[in-house]
Amino acid sequence: MAADELRMALAPWYLSIKALHVFSAMAWAWSTAVAWVYYLKPAFRRALANPDDAEARRRRDRFMEAFDRSAAIEHVAFTILIATGLVMFWVSVLSLMRWS
């Protein structure tokens, strides 16, 4: 009985949960993809093209550290994405299956 009460309590919040789910999906998809394509990959290419350039290596290392920090955002966003997806499934699909 407690599960039904919890499901009914979460039902009015479905759109808010869905908005959080969509935002988490965007954060997960773009947190490291954009950094890799536009910052890290060119920095690696510059460092490989000029192996004696200390500035290119320093820039590559700085971008790599920033990329690692953004990976933390990716992990948190993925966890929220999975949790909100399961909650939405539980609230909507399982409720529909129960009533049909």
N, C-alpha and C. Protein backbone atom coordinates (compact mmCIF):
# COMPACT_ATOMS: atom_id res chain seq x y z
N MET A 1 0.82 -1.20 0.00
CA MET A 1 0.00 0.00 0.00
C MET A 1 0.86 1.26 0.00
N ALA A 2 2.01 1.23 0.65
CA ALA A 2 2.89 2.39 0.71
C ALA A 2 3.41 2.76 -0.68
N ALA A 3 3.64 1.77 -1.53
CA ALA A 3 4.12 2.04 -2.89
C ALA A 3 3.08 2.80 -3.68
N ASP A 4 1.81 2.44 -3.53
CA ASP A 4 0.75 3.16 -4.23
C ASP A 4 0.64 4.60 -3.74
N GLU A 5 0.79 4.81 -2.45
CA GLU A 5 0.73 6.16 -1.90
C GLU A 5 1.90 7.00 -2.40
N LEU A 6 3.08 6.42 -2.46
CA LEU A 6 4.24 7.13 -2.96
C LEU A 6 4.07 7.46 -4.44
N ARG A 7 3.55 6.52 -5.21
CA ARG A 7 3.32 6.75 -6.63
C ARG A 7 2.32 7.89 -6.83
N MET A 8 1.27 7.91 -6.04
CA MET A 8 0.28 8.98 -6.15
C MET A 8 0.85 10.33 -5.69
N ALA A 9 1.75 10.30 -4.72
CA ALA A 9 2.38 11.53 -4.27
C ALA A 9 3.34 12.09 -5.32
N LEU A 10 3.98 11.22 -6.09
CA LEU A 10 4.93 11.66 -7.11
C LEU A 10 4.25 12.04 -8.43
N ALA A 11 3.04 11.56 -8.66
CA ALA A 11 2.36 11.81 -9.93
C ALA A 11 2.22 13.30 -10.27
N PRO A 12 1.86 14.18 -9.34
CA PRO A 12 1.77 15.61 -9.70
C PRO A 12 3.13 16.23 -10.06
N TRP A 13 4.20 15.60 -9.65
CA TRP A 13 5.54 16.11 -9.92
C TRP A 13 6.15 15.51 -11.19
N TYR A 14 5.36 14.81 -11.97
CA TYR A 14 5.88 14.09 -13.14
C TYR A 14 6.60 15.02 -14.12
N LEU A 15 6.00 16.17 -14.44
CA LEU A 15 6.63 17.08 -15.40
C LEU A 15 7.92 17.68 -14.85
N SER A 16 7.98 17.93 -13.57
CA SER A 16 9.23 18.43 -12.97
C SER A 16 10.31 17.36 -13.02
N ILE A 17 9.92 16.13 -12.75
CA ILE A 17 10.88 15.02 -12.83
C ILE A 17 11.36 14.84 -14.27
N LYS A 18 10.45 14.99 -15.21
CA LYS A 18 10.82 14.87 -16.62
C LYS A 18 11.76 15.99 -17.05
N ALA A 19 11.51 17.22 -16.57
CA ALA A 19 12.40 18.34 -16.89
C ALA A 19 13.81 18.08 -16.33
N LEU A 20 13.89 17.57 -15.12
CA LEU A 20 15.18 17.23 -14.54
C LEU A 20 15.85 16.12 -15.35
N HIS A 21 15.06 15.18 -15.82
CA HIS A 21 15.57 14.08 -16.64
C HIS A 21 16.17 14.62 -17.95
N VAL A 22 15.44 15.51 -18.61
CA VAL A 22 15.93 16.07 -19.88
C VAL A 22 17.18 16.91 -19.65
N PHE A 23 17.19 17.73 -18.61
CA PHE A 23 18.37 18.53 -18.30
C PHE A 23 19.57 17.64 -18.00
N SER A 24 19.36 16.56 -17.28
CA SER A 24 20.44 15.63 -16.98
C SER A 24 20.96 14.96 -18.24
N ALA A 25 20.05 14.63 -19.15
CA ALA A 25 20.47 14.03 -20.42
C ALA A 25 21.35 14.99 -21.21
N MET A 26 20.97 16.26 -21.24
CA MET A 26 21.79 17.25 -21.95
C MET A 26 23.14 17.41 -21.28
N ALA A 27 23.16 17.51 -19.95
CA ALA A 27 24.42 17.67 -19.23
C ALA A 27 25.32 16.44 -19.43
N TRP A 28 24.72 15.27 -19.42
CA TRP A 28 25.50 14.05 -19.60
C TRP A 28 26.10 13.98 -21.01
N ALA A 29 25.29 14.31 -22.00
CA ALA A 29 25.75 14.19 -23.38
C ALA A 29 26.79 15.24 -23.75
N TRP A 30 26.63 16.44 -23.24
CA TRP A 30 27.48 17.53 -23.70
C TRP A 30 28.61 17.91 -22.76
N SER A 31 28.66 17.39 -21.54
CA SER A 31 29.67 17.83 -20.59
C SER A 31 31.09 17.53 -21.07
N THR A 32 31.32 16.37 -21.61
CA THR A 32 32.66 16.06 -22.07
C THR A 32 32.78 16.02 -23.60
N ALA A 33 31.67 15.82 -24.30
CA ALA A 33 31.73 15.74 -25.76
C ALA A 33 32.20 17.06 -26.37
N VAL A 34 31.65 18.16 -25.92
CA VAL A 34 32.02 19.47 -26.46
C VAL A 34 33.46 19.80 -26.10
N ALA A 35 33.84 19.52 -24.86
CA ALA A 35 35.21 19.79 -24.43
C ALA A 35 36.21 18.97 -25.24
N TRP A 36 35.86 17.73 -25.52
CA TRP A 36 36.77 16.88 -26.29
C TRP A 36 36.95 17.40 -27.70
N VAL A 37 35.85 17.72 -28.37
CA VAL A 37 35.92 18.11 -29.78
C VAL A 37 36.59 19.47 -29.97
N TYR A 38 36.23 20.45 -29.15
CA TYR A 38 36.67 21.82 -29.40
C TYR A 38 37.90 22.26 -28.62
N TYR A 39 38.26 21.57 -27.54
CA TYR A 39 39.39 22.01 -26.73
C TYR A 39 40.49 20.95 -26.62
N LEU A 40 40.12 19.78 -26.17
CA LEU A 40 41.14 18.79 -25.86
C LEU A 40 41.78 18.20 -27.11
N LYS A 41 40.99 17.84 -28.09
CA LYS A 41 41.52 17.23 -29.30
C LYS A 41 42.48 18.18 -30.05
N PRO A 42 42.11 19.46 -30.25
CA PRO A 42 43.07 20.37 -30.89
C PRO A 42 44.34 20.58 -30.06
N ALA A 43 44.20 20.60 -28.73
CA ALA A 43 45.39 20.76 -27.88
C ALA A 43 46.33 19.57 -28.02
N PHE A 44 45.78 18.37 -28.10
CA PHE A 44 46.61 17.19 -28.31
C PHE A 44 47.29 17.24 -29.68
N ARG A 45 46.55 17.68 -30.69
CA ARG A 45 47.14 17.77 -32.03
C ARG A 45 48.28 18.78 -32.06
N ARG A 46 48.09 19.94 -31.41
CA ARG A 46 49.16 20.94 -31.35
C ARG A 46 50.38 20.41 -30.63
N ALA A 47 50.17 19.71 -29.52
CA ALA A 47 51.29 19.17 -28.75
C ALA A 47 52.02 18.08 -29.53
N LEU A 48 51.29 17.27 -30.27
CA LEU A 48 51.94 16.23 -31.07
C LEU A 48 52.66 16.80 -32.29
N ALA A 49 52.12 17.88 -32.86
CA ALA A 49 52.75 18.49 -34.02
C ALA A 49 54.04 19.24 -33.64
N ASN A 50 54.09 19.75 -32.42
CA ASN A 50 55.26 20.49 -31.94
C ASN A 50 55.74 19.88 -30.62
N PRO A 51 56.44 18.75 -30.65
CA PRO A 51 56.81 18.08 -29.41
C PRO A 51 57.78 18.88 -28.54
N ASP A 52 58.49 19.85 -29.11
CA ASP A 52 59.45 20.65 -28.34
C ASP A 52 58.83 21.91 -27.75
N ASP A 53 57.59 22.20 -28.08
CA ASP A 53 56.93 23.43 -27.61
C ASP A 53 56.37 23.20 -26.20
N ALA A 54 57.00 23.84 -25.23
CA ALA A 54 56.57 23.68 -23.83
C ALA A 54 55.19 24.30 -23.60
N GLU A 55 54.90 25.38 -24.28
CA GLU A 55 53.59 26.04 -24.12
C GLU A 55 52.46 25.13 -24.62
N ALA A 56 52.68 24.43 -25.73
CA ALA A 56 51.66 23.51 -26.25
C ALA A 56 51.42 22.35 -25.28
N ARG A 57 52.48 21.84 -24.68
CA ARG A 57 52.32 20.76 -23.69
C ARG A 57 51.61 21.25 -22.43
N ARG A 58 51.95 22.47 -21.99
CA ARG A 58 51.31 23.04 -20.80
C ARG A 58 49.82 23.26 -21.05
N ARG A 59 49.48 23.76 -22.24
CA ARG A 59 48.07 23.98 -22.58
C ARG A 59 47.32 22.65 -22.66
N ARG A 60 47.95 21.65 -23.25
CA ARG A 60 47.33 20.32 -23.32
C ARG A 60 47.07 19.77 -21.93
N ASP A 61 48.04 19.91 -21.04
CA ASP A 61 47.87 19.40 -19.67
C ASP A 61 46.77 20.16 -18.93
N ARG A 62 46.70 21.48 -19.14
CA ARG A 62 45.66 22.27 -18.48
C ARG A 62 44.27 21.86 -18.98
N PHE A 63 44.15 21.65 -20.29
CA PHE A 63 42.86 21.23 -20.85
C PHE A 63 42.49 19.82 -20.38
N MET A 64 43.49 18.96 -20.20
CA MET A 64 43.22 17.60 -19.73
C MET A 64 42.69 17.63 -18.30
N GLU A 65 43.25 18.50 -17.46
CA GLU A 65 42.75 18.61 -16.09
C GLU A 65 41.32 19.15 -16.06
N ALA A 66 41.02 20.13 -16.92
CA ALA A 66 39.65 20.66 -17.00
C ALA A 66 38.69 19.59 -17.51
N PHE A 67 39.15 18.78 -18.46
CA PHE A 67 38.33 17.69 -18.99
C PHE A 67 38.01 16.68 -17.89
N ASP A 68 39.00 16.37 -17.06
CA ASP A 68 38.77 15.44 -15.95
C ASP A 68 37.75 15.99 -14.97
N ARG A 69 37.80 17.29 -14.71
CA ARG A 69 36.81 17.90 -13.80
C ARG A 69 35.41 17.83 -14.40
N SER A 70 35.30 18.01 -15.71
CA SER A 70 33.98 17.95 -16.33
C SER A 70 33.44 16.53 -16.35
N ALA A 71 34.31 15.55 -16.27
CA ALA A 71 33.84 14.16 -16.20
C ALA A 71 33.06 13.90 -14.92
N ALA A 72 33.36 14.64 -13.86
CA ALA A 72 32.59 14.51 -12.62
C ALA A 72 31.15 14.94 -12.84
N ILE A 73 30.96 16.01 -13.62
CA ILE A 73 29.60 16.46 -13.97
C ILE A 73 28.88 15.36 -14.74
N GLU A 74 29.59 14.74 -15.65
CA GLU A 74 29.01 13.68 -16.46
C GLU A 74 28.53 12.52 -15.59
N HIS A 75 29.30 12.14 -14.58
CA HIS A 75 28.92 11.02 -13.72
C HIS A 75 27.70 11.35 -12.87
N VAL A 76 27.64 12.55 -12.34
CA VAL A 76 26.48 12.96 -11.54
C VAL A 76 25.24 13.04 -12.43
N ALA A 77 25.38 13.63 -13.62
CA ALA A 77 24.24 13.75 -14.53
C ALA A 77 23.72 12.38 -14.95
N PHE A 78 24.61 11.43 -15.19
CA PHE A 78 24.17 10.09 -15.59
C PHE A 78 23.40 9.41 -14.46
N THR A 79 23.86 9.58 -13.23
CA THR A 79 23.16 8.99 -12.09
C THR A 79 21.75 9.57 -11.96
N ILE A 80 21.64 10.89 -12.10
CA ILE A 80 20.32 11.54 -12.03
C ILE A 80 19.45 11.09 -13.21
N LEU A 81 20.05 10.94 -14.37
CA LEU A 81 19.33 10.49 -15.56
C LEU A 81 18.71 9.11 -15.34
N ILE A 82 19.47 8.19 -14.82
CA ILE A 82 18.97 6.84 -14.56
C ILE A 82 17.87 6.87 -13.49
N ALA A 83 18.12 7.60 -12.41
CA ALA A 83 17.15 7.64 -11.31
C ALA A 83 15.82 8.26 -11.75
N THR A 84 15.87 9.39 -12.46
CA THR A 84 14.62 10.02 -12.90
C THR A 84 13.91 9.19 -13.96
N GLY A 85 14.67 8.49 -14.79
CA GLY A 85 14.05 7.61 -15.77
C GLY A 85 13.29 6.47 -15.12
N LEU A 86 13.89 5.89 -14.11
CA LEU A 86 13.22 4.81 -13.39
C LEU A 86 11.98 5.32 -12.64
N VAL A 87 12.08 6.50 -12.04
CA VAL A 87 10.93 7.07 -11.34
C VAL A 87 9.79 7.35 -12.32
N MET A 88 10.12 7.93 -13.48
CA MET A 88 9.06 8.20 -14.47
C MET A 88 8.42 6.91 -14.96
N PHE A 89 9.24 5.91 -15.19
CA PHE A 89 8.71 4.61 -15.61
C PHE A 89 7.78 4.05 -14.54
N TRP A 90 8.22 4.12 -13.31
CA TRP A 90 7.45 3.58 -12.19
C TRP A 90 6.13 4.33 -12.02
N VAL A 91 6.18 5.65 -12.14
CA VAL A 91 4.97 6.46 -11.93
C VAL A 91 3.98 6.28 -13.08
N SER A 92 4.46 6.31 -14.32
CA SER A 92 3.53 6.32 -15.46
C SER A 92 3.22 4.92 -15.99
N VAL A 93 4.20 4.19 -16.43
CA VAL A 93 3.95 2.92 -17.12
C VAL A 93 3.39 1.87 -16.17
N LEU A 94 3.95 1.75 -15.01
CA LEU A 94 3.44 0.75 -14.09
C LEU A 94 2.03 1.10 -13.60
N SER A 95 1.75 2.39 -13.49
CA SER A 95 0.39 2.80 -13.11
C SER A 95 -0.60 2.44 -14.22
N LEU A 96 -0.20 2.64 -15.46
CA LEU A 96 -1.07 2.30 -16.59
C LEU A 96 -1.29 0.80 -16.66
N MET A 97 -0.24 0.02 -16.40
CA MET A 97 -0.38 -1.44 -16.45
C MET A 97 -1.31 -1.93 -15.36
N ARG A 98 -1.29 -1.26 -14.23
CA ARG A 98 -2.13 -1.67 -13.11
C ARG A 98 -3.60 -1.43 -13.42
N TRP A 99 -3.90 -0.32 -14.11
CA TRP A 99 -5.29 0.05 -14.36
C TRP A 99 -5.87 -0.59 -15.63
N SER A 100 -5.03 -1.18 -16.45
CA SER A 100 -5.59 -1.79 -17.68
C SER A 100 -5.99 -3.22 -17.47
